C-alpha atoms as a PDB file:
ATOM      1  CA  MET A   1     115.236 110.138  75.176  1.00  0.00           C
ATOM      2  CA  LEU A   2     113.931 106.632  74.594  1.00  0.00           C
ATOM      3  CA  SER A   3     111.206 106.085  72.048  1.00  0.00           C
ATOM      4  CA  LEU A   4     109.323 102.847  71.406  1.00  0.00           C
ATOM      5  CA  GLU A   5     107.365 101.948  68.297  1.00  0.00           C
ATOM      6  CA  ILE A   6     104.804  99.339  69.364  1.00  0.00           C
ATOM      7  CA  PRO A   7     102.738  97.756  66.588  1.00  0.00           C
ATOM      8  CA  PRO A   8      99.139  96.789  67.432  1.00  0.00           C
ATOM      9  CA  ASP A   9      99.868  93.165  66.550  1.00  0.00           C
ATOM     10  CA  GLY A  10     103.044  91.122  66.670  1.00  0.00           C
ATOM     11  CA  ALA A  11     105.670  90.820  69.366  1.00  0.00           C
ATOM     12  CA  ARG A  12     108.501  92.929  67.895  1.00  0.00           C
ATOM     13  CA  ILE A  13     108.857  96.532  68.960  1.00  0.00           C
ATOM     14  CA  THR A  14     111.421  99.067  67.821  1.00  0.00           C
ATOM     15  CA  ALA A  15     113.438 101.202  70.247  1.00  0.00           C
ATOM     16  CA  VAL A  16     115.300 104.407  69.404  1.00  0.00           C
ATOM     17  CA  ARG A  17     117.534 105.818  72.150  1.00  0.00           C
ATOM     18  CA  ALA A  18     119.502 109.039  72.591  1.00  0.00           C
ATOM     19  CA  GLY A  19     121.586 108.587  75.730  1.00  0.00           C
ATOM     20  CA  HIS A  20     118.712 107.544  78.008  1.00  0.00           C
ATOM     21  CA  PRO A  21     119.169 104.555  80.362  1.00  0.00           C
ATOM     22  CA  GLY A  22     118.205 101.116  79.140  1.00  0.00           C
ATOM     23  CA  MET A  23     115.086  99.315  80.356  1.00  0.00           C
ATOM     24  CA  LEU A  24     114.007  96.140  82.115  1.00  0.00           C
ATOM     25  CA  LEU A  25     112.263  93.270  80.345  1.00  0.00           C
ATOM     26  CA  HIS A  26     110.013  91.550  82.903  1.00  0.00           C
ATOM     27  CA  GLY A  27     107.858  88.453  82.615  1.00  0.00           C
ATOM     28  CA  ALA A  28     107.595  84.699  83.221  1.00  0.00           C
ATOM     29  CA  GLY A  29     109.492  85.059  86.512  1.00  0.00           C
ATOM     30  CA  THR A  30     112.516  86.739  84.942  1.00  0.00           C
ATOM     31  CA  ALA A  31     113.956  90.232  84.630  1.00  0.00           C
ATOM     32  CA  GLU A  32     116.668  91.243  82.169  1.00  0.00           C
ATOM     33  CA  TRP A  33     118.384  94.549  81.442  1.00  0.00           C
ATOM     34  CA  VAL A  34     117.887  95.653  77.817  1.00  0.00           C
ATOM     35  CA  GLU A  35     120.394  98.192  76.541  1.00  0.00           C
ATOM     36  CA  PRO A  36     119.579  99.211  72.948  1.00  0.00           C
ATOM     37  CA  PRO A  37     122.389 100.993  71.104  1.00  0.00           C
ATOM     38  CA  PHE A  38     122.130 104.772  71.335  1.00  0.00           C
ATOM     39  CA  GLY A  39     122.791 107.660  69.027  1.00  0.00           C
ATOM     40  CA  PRO A  40     123.856 111.275  69.533  1.00  0.00           C
ATOM     41  CA  ALA A  41     122.201 113.733  71.908  1.00  0.00           C
ATOM     42  CA  LEU A  42     118.866 115.191  70.880  1.00  0.00           C
ATOM     43  CA  GLY A  43     119.187 117.913  68.265  1.00  0.00           C
ATOM     44  CA  LEU A  44     122.381 116.529  66.723  1.00  0.00           C
ATOM     45  CA  HIS A  45     122.364 114.456  63.536  1.00  0.00           C
ATOM     46  CA  ALA A  46     118.700 113.523  63.765  1.00  0.00           C
ATOM     47  CA  ASP A  47     119.068 110.720  61.207  1.00  0.00           C
ATOM     48  CA  ALA A  48     121.915 108.987  63.083  1.00  0.00           C
ATOM     49  CA  TRP A  49     119.922 107.176  65.782  1.00  0.00           C
ATOM     50  CA  PRO A  50     120.024 103.407  65.370  1.00  0.00           C
ATOM     51  CA  ARG A  51     116.762 101.477  65.454  1.00  0.00           C
ATOM     52  CA  HIS A  52     116.815  98.354  67.611  1.00  0.00           C
ATOM     53  CA  GLU A  53     114.195  95.600  67.539  1.00  0.00           C
ATOM     54  CA  ILE A  54     113.150  93.928  70.787  1.00  0.00           C
ATOM     55  CA  GLU A  55     110.984  90.858  71.207  1.00  0.00           C
ATOM     56  CA  LEU A  56     108.113  91.496  73.650  1.00  0.00           C
ATOM     57  CA  PRO A  57     106.180  88.249  74.112  1.00  0.00           C
ATOM     58  CA  ALA A  58     102.618  88.221  75.451  1.00  0.00           C
ATOM     59  CA  GLY A  59     102.588  88.494  79.238  1.00  0.00           C
ATOM     60  CA  HIS A  60     105.934  90.324  79.338  1.00  0.00           C
ATOM     61  CA  GLY A  61     106.471  93.992  80.033  1.00  0.00           C
ATOM     62  CA  LEU A  62     109.124  96.592  79.392  1.00  0.00           C
ATOM     63  CA  LEU A  63     109.898  98.819  82.335  1.00  0.00           C
ATOM     64  CA  LEU A  64     110.959 102.280  81.159  1.00  0.00           C
ATOM     65  CA  LEU A  65     112.668 104.323  83.845  1.00  0.00           C
ATOM     66  CA  THR A  66     114.687 107.401  84.625  1.00  0.00           C
ATOM     67  CA  ASP A  67     118.175 107.222  86.102  1.00  0.00           C
ATOM     68  CA  GLY A  68     116.869 108.436  89.463  1.00  0.00           C
ATOM     69  CA  LEU A  69     115.720 104.861  90.096  1.00  0.00           C
ATOM     70  CA  PHE A  70     119.277 103.478  90.174  1.00  0.00           C
ATOM     71  CA  GLU A  71     121.545 106.456  90.946  1.00  0.00           C
ATOM     72  CA  GLY A  72     120.571 106.723  94.630  1.00  0.00           C
ATOM     73  CA  TYR A  73     123.029 105.822  97.379  1.00  0.00           C
ATOM     74  CA  SER A  74     122.577 102.284  98.649  1.00  0.00           C
ATOM     75  CA  GLY A  75     125.700 101.165 100.493  1.00  0.00           C
ATOM     76  CA  GLY A  76     128.623 102.377 102.532  1.00  0.00           C
ATOM     77  CA  GLY A  77     130.116 105.742 101.684  1.00  0.00           C
ATOM     78  CA  SER A  78     129.261 106.922  98.200  1.00  0.00           C
ATOM     79  CA  GLN A  79     128.210 103.533  96.778  1.00  0.00           C
ATOM     80  CA  ARG A  80     125.231 103.854  94.440  1.00  0.00           C
ATOM     81  CA  LEU A  81     122.736 101.155  93.513  1.00  0.00           C
ATOM     82  CA  GLY A  82     123.618 101.312  89.809  1.00  0.00           C
ATOM     83  CA  GLU A  83     122.086  99.382  86.943  1.00  0.00           C
ATOM     84  CA  ASP A  84     123.517  96.066  88.212  1.00  0.00           C
ATOM     85  CA  GLY A  85     122.019  96.621  91.663  1.00  0.00           C
ATOM     86  CA  LEU A  86     118.661  97.532  90.134  1.00  0.00           C
ATOM     87  CA  LEU A  87     118.739  94.372  88.015  1.00  0.00           C
ATOM     88  CA  ALA A  88     119.544  92.226  91.078  1.00  0.00           C
ATOM     89  CA  LEU A  89     116.616  93.808  92.919  1.00  0.00           C
ATOM     90  CA  ALA A  90     114.344  93.261  89.904  1.00  0.00           C
ATOM     91  CA  ARG A  91     115.313  89.593  89.713  1.00  0.00           C
ATOM     92  CA  ARG A  92     114.368  89.145  93.403  1.00  0.00           C
ATOM     93  CA  HIS A  93     110.850  90.392  92.603  1.00  0.00           C
ATOM     94  CA  ALA A  94     110.504  88.947  89.089  1.00  0.00           C
ATOM     95  CA  ALA A  95     107.766  86.469  90.069  1.00  0.00           C
ATOM     96  CA  LEU A  96     105.390  89.333  90.907  1.00  0.00           C
ATOM     97  CA  PRO A  97     102.795  90.496  88.368  1.00  0.00           C
ATOM     98  CA  GLY A  98     103.286  93.852  86.593  1.00  0.00           C
ATOM     99  CA  SER A  99     102.017  96.518  88.993  1.00  0.00           C
ATOM    100  CA  ALA A 100     103.213  94.644  92.112  1.00  0.00           C
ATOM    101  CA  PHE A 101     106.631  94.260  90.465  1.00  0.00           C
ATOM    102  CA  VAL A 102     106.863  98.011  89.847  1.00  0.00           C
ATOM    103  CA  ASP A 103     105.769  98.805  93.416  1.00  0.00           C
ATOM    104  CA  ALA A 104     108.273  96.332  94.923  1.00  0.00           C
ATOM    105  CA  LEU A 105     111.085  97.754  92.795  1.00  0.00           C
ATOM    106  CA  ILE A 106     110.374 101.354  93.800  1.00  0.00           C
ATOM    107  CA  ASP A 107     109.937 100.363  97.460  1.00  0.00           C
ATOM    108  CA  GLY A 108     113.232  98.447  97.392  1.00  0.00           C
ATOM    109  CA  VAL A 109     115.138 101.364  95.881  1.00  0.00           C
ATOM    110  CA  GLU A 110     113.645 103.803  98.397  1.00  0.00           C
ATOM    111  CA  GLU A 111     114.458 101.474 101.297  1.00  0.00           C
ATOM    112  CA  ARG A 112     118.117 101.189 100.251  1.00  0.00           C
ATOM    113  CA  ALA A 113     118.430 104.964  99.923  1.00  0.00           C
ATOM    114  CA  ARG A 114     116.664 105.772 103.211  1.00  0.00           C
ATOM    115  CA  ALA A 115     119.818 105.402 105.344  1.00  0.00           C
ATOM    116  CA  HIS A 116     121.541 107.917 103.044  1.00  0.00           C
ATOM    117  CA  GLY A 117     118.888 110.627 103.245  1.00  0.00           C
ATOM    118  CA  GLY A 118     116.542 109.100 100.671  1.00  0.00           C
ATOM    119  CA  LEU A 119     116.492 109.391  96.922  1.00  0.00           C
ATOM    120  CA  THR A 120     118.148 112.562  95.647  1.00  0.00           C
ATOM    121  CA  ASP A 121     116.712 112.560  92.124  1.00  0.00           C
ATOM    122  CA  ASP A 122     113.205 112.278  90.766  1.00  0.00           C
ATOM    123  CA  ILE A 123     112.075 108.905  89.463  1.00  0.00           C
ATOM    124  CA  ALA A 124     109.643 107.987  86.729  1.00  0.00           C
ATOM    125  CA  VAL A 125     108.647 104.437  85.854  1.00  0.00           C
ATOM    126  CA  VAL A 126     106.307 103.195  83.129  1.00  0.00           C
ATOM    127  CA  ARG A 127     105.611  99.517  82.452  1.00  0.00           C
ATOM    128  CA  VAL A 128     104.277  98.586  79.011  1.00  0.00           C
ATOM    129  CA  GLU A 129     102.918  95.042  78.748  1.00  0.00           C
ATOM    130  CA  ARG A 130     101.862  92.965  75.789  1.00  0.00           C
ATOM    131  CA  THR A 131      98.717  91.036  76.639  1.00  0.00           C
ATOM    132  CA  ASN A 132      97.197  87.923  75.082  1.00  0.00           C
ATOM    133  CA  ARG A 133      94.188  89.856  73.731  1.00  0.00           C
END
């Protein structure tokens, strides 16, 4: 589980994570992996999850994703794309605007997995962007 608290004004959001993958911060031609600290599994010690603040400047987006996006096979044998491979792919497409960036990332992951029978897990991707309005 990954939960974000996004205030209506200001650039700081708060993330709370229970074992879910990190997320991508995308904007201004860059992409970075954001890995907030995580707490115990859901249902255990509900007050023990650390809160982590993240700066989300105007024009930048956070890409929330499931592990199916990076756990697909992408190389020889049993090599998987992994978080590092996903980040490298994201950096290649970082100049694209939000929705085109998401499409290029999903297309790139699917293309790499195609030779290995395609993606074996479901994927979900949500991009949350702070605008200048």
